Amino acid sequence: MMSVVIAFLIIFVIAVFVIQPLFLEPGLEIKDTEKSSDALKQRKKILYRHIKELDMDYQLDNIQDEDYNQTRNELKKEVSEILTILNK
């Protein structure tokens, strides 16, 4: 009987953990703190690295023109959003 209760509790905790993101507000709220600024700067570096890797893959013909342009534009858009937030 006790093992059934423990199993139920474990399943319940896992279910709550998995379902939780569905109830969170979409979008990223960034507070003007030093931590969020550092996190944004780190994210910016990662995005720049992804753009460089994407450019290299494109030059080596590992990616098609359409995919390259779409992905690069998405990465550049995210970088510009971060830069806008950092420059406020």
Protein backbone atom coordinates (compact mmCIF):
# COMPACT_ATOMS: atom_id res chain seq x y z
CA MET A 1 0.00 0.00 0.00
CA MET A 2 2.79 2.42 0.90
CA SER A 3 4.58 1.74 -2.39
CA VAL A 4 1.43 2.67 -4.31
CA VAL A 5 1.23 5.99 -2.46
CA ILE A 6 4.91 6.71 -3.11
CA ALA A 7 4.54 5.78 -6.79
CA PHE A 8 1.51 8.07 -7.07
CA LEU A 9 3.41 10.94 -5.46
CA ILE A 10 6.37 10.47 -7.80
CA ILE A 11 4.10 10.42 -10.85
CA PHE A 12 2.27 13.50 -9.57
CA VAL A 13 5.50 15.45 -9.06
CA ILE A 14 6.74 14.49 -12.52
CA ALA A 15 3.41 15.45 -14.10
CA VAL A 16 3.46 18.86 -12.38
CA PHE A 17 7.03 19.43 -13.51
CA VAL A 18 6.20 18.54 -17.12
CA ILE A 19 2.93 20.48 -17.32
CA GLN A 20 4.15 23.61 -15.50
CA PRO A 21 5.53 25.39 -18.62
CA LEU A 22 2.09 25.24 -20.24
CA PHE A 23 0.73 27.60 -17.59
CA LEU A 24 3.57 30.12 -17.61
CA GLU A 25 3.23 33.36 -19.55
CA PRO A 26 4.89 33.27 -22.94
CA GLY A 27 7.76 35.59 -23.57
CA LEU A 28 10.74 36.53 -21.57
CA GLU A 29 10.44 39.14 -18.86
CA ILE A 30 13.80 40.68 -18.27
CA LYS A 31 14.39 42.82 -15.24
CA ASP A 32 17.03 45.51 -15.33
CA THR A 33 19.45 43.79 -12.99
CA GLU A 34 23.08 42.94 -13.28
CA LYS A 35 22.31 39.21 -13.52
CA SER A 36 19.90 39.60 -16.43
CA SER A 37 22.36 41.89 -18.17
CA ASP A 38 25.09 39.27 -17.82
CA ALA A 39 22.72 36.58 -19.05
CA LEU A 40 21.81 38.68 -22.08
CA LYS A 41 25.45 39.33 -22.88
CA GLN A 42 26.15 35.61 -22.66
CA ARG A 43 23.17 34.83 -24.89
CA LYS A 44 24.40 37.44 -27.39
CA LYS A 45 27.81 35.72 -27.54
CA ILE A 46 26.15 32.36 -28.10
CA LEU A 47 24.00 33.77 -30.90
CA TYR A 48 27.02 35.33 -32.60
CA ARG A 49 28.77 31.97 -32.39
CA HIS A 50 25.74 30.28 -33.96
CA ILE A 51 25.76 32.82 -36.79
CA LYS A 52 29.47 32.17 -37.44
CA GLU A 53 28.89 28.40 -37.47
CA LEU A 54 25.91 28.83 -39.77
CA ASP A 55 27.99 30.97 -42.15
CA MET A 56 30.71 28.34 -42.18
CA ASP A 57 28.20 25.56 -42.88
CA TYR A 58 26.78 27.62 -45.72
CA GLN A 59 30.21 28.22 -47.22
CA LEU A 60 30.89 24.48 -47.09
CA ASP A 61 27.53 23.82 -48.82
CA ASN A 62 26.21 21.91 -45.81
CA ILE A 63 23.02 23.95 -45.72
CA GLN A 64 20.58 25.08 -48.39
CA ASP A 65 20.08 28.75 -49.32
CA GLU A 66 16.52 28.95 -47.98
CA ASP A 67 17.39 27.34 -44.63
CA TYR A 68 20.49 29.51 -44.31
CA ASN A 69 18.63 32.76 -44.95
CA GLN A 70 15.74 31.88 -42.64
CA THR A 71 17.93 30.72 -39.77
CA ARG A 72 20.35 33.63 -40.11
CA ASN A 73 17.49 36.14 -40.09
CA GLU A 74 15.99 34.54 -36.97
CA LEU A 75 19.36 34.66 -35.17
CA LYS A 76 19.96 38.27 -36.22
CA LYS A 77 16.48 39.25 -35.04
CA GLU A 78 17.11 37.74 -31.61
CA VAL A 79 20.50 39.48 -31.38
CA SER A 80 18.91 42.82 -32.29
CA GLU A 81 16.25 42.35 -29.60
CA ILE A 82 18.96 41.67 -27.04
CA LEU A 83 20.97 44.68 -28.17
CA THR A 84 17.88 46.88 -27.87
CA ILE A 85 17.32 45.70 -24.31
CA LEU A 86 21.00 46.13 -23.37
CA ASN A 87 21.13 49.67 -24.82
CA LYS A 88 18.17 50.94 -22.80
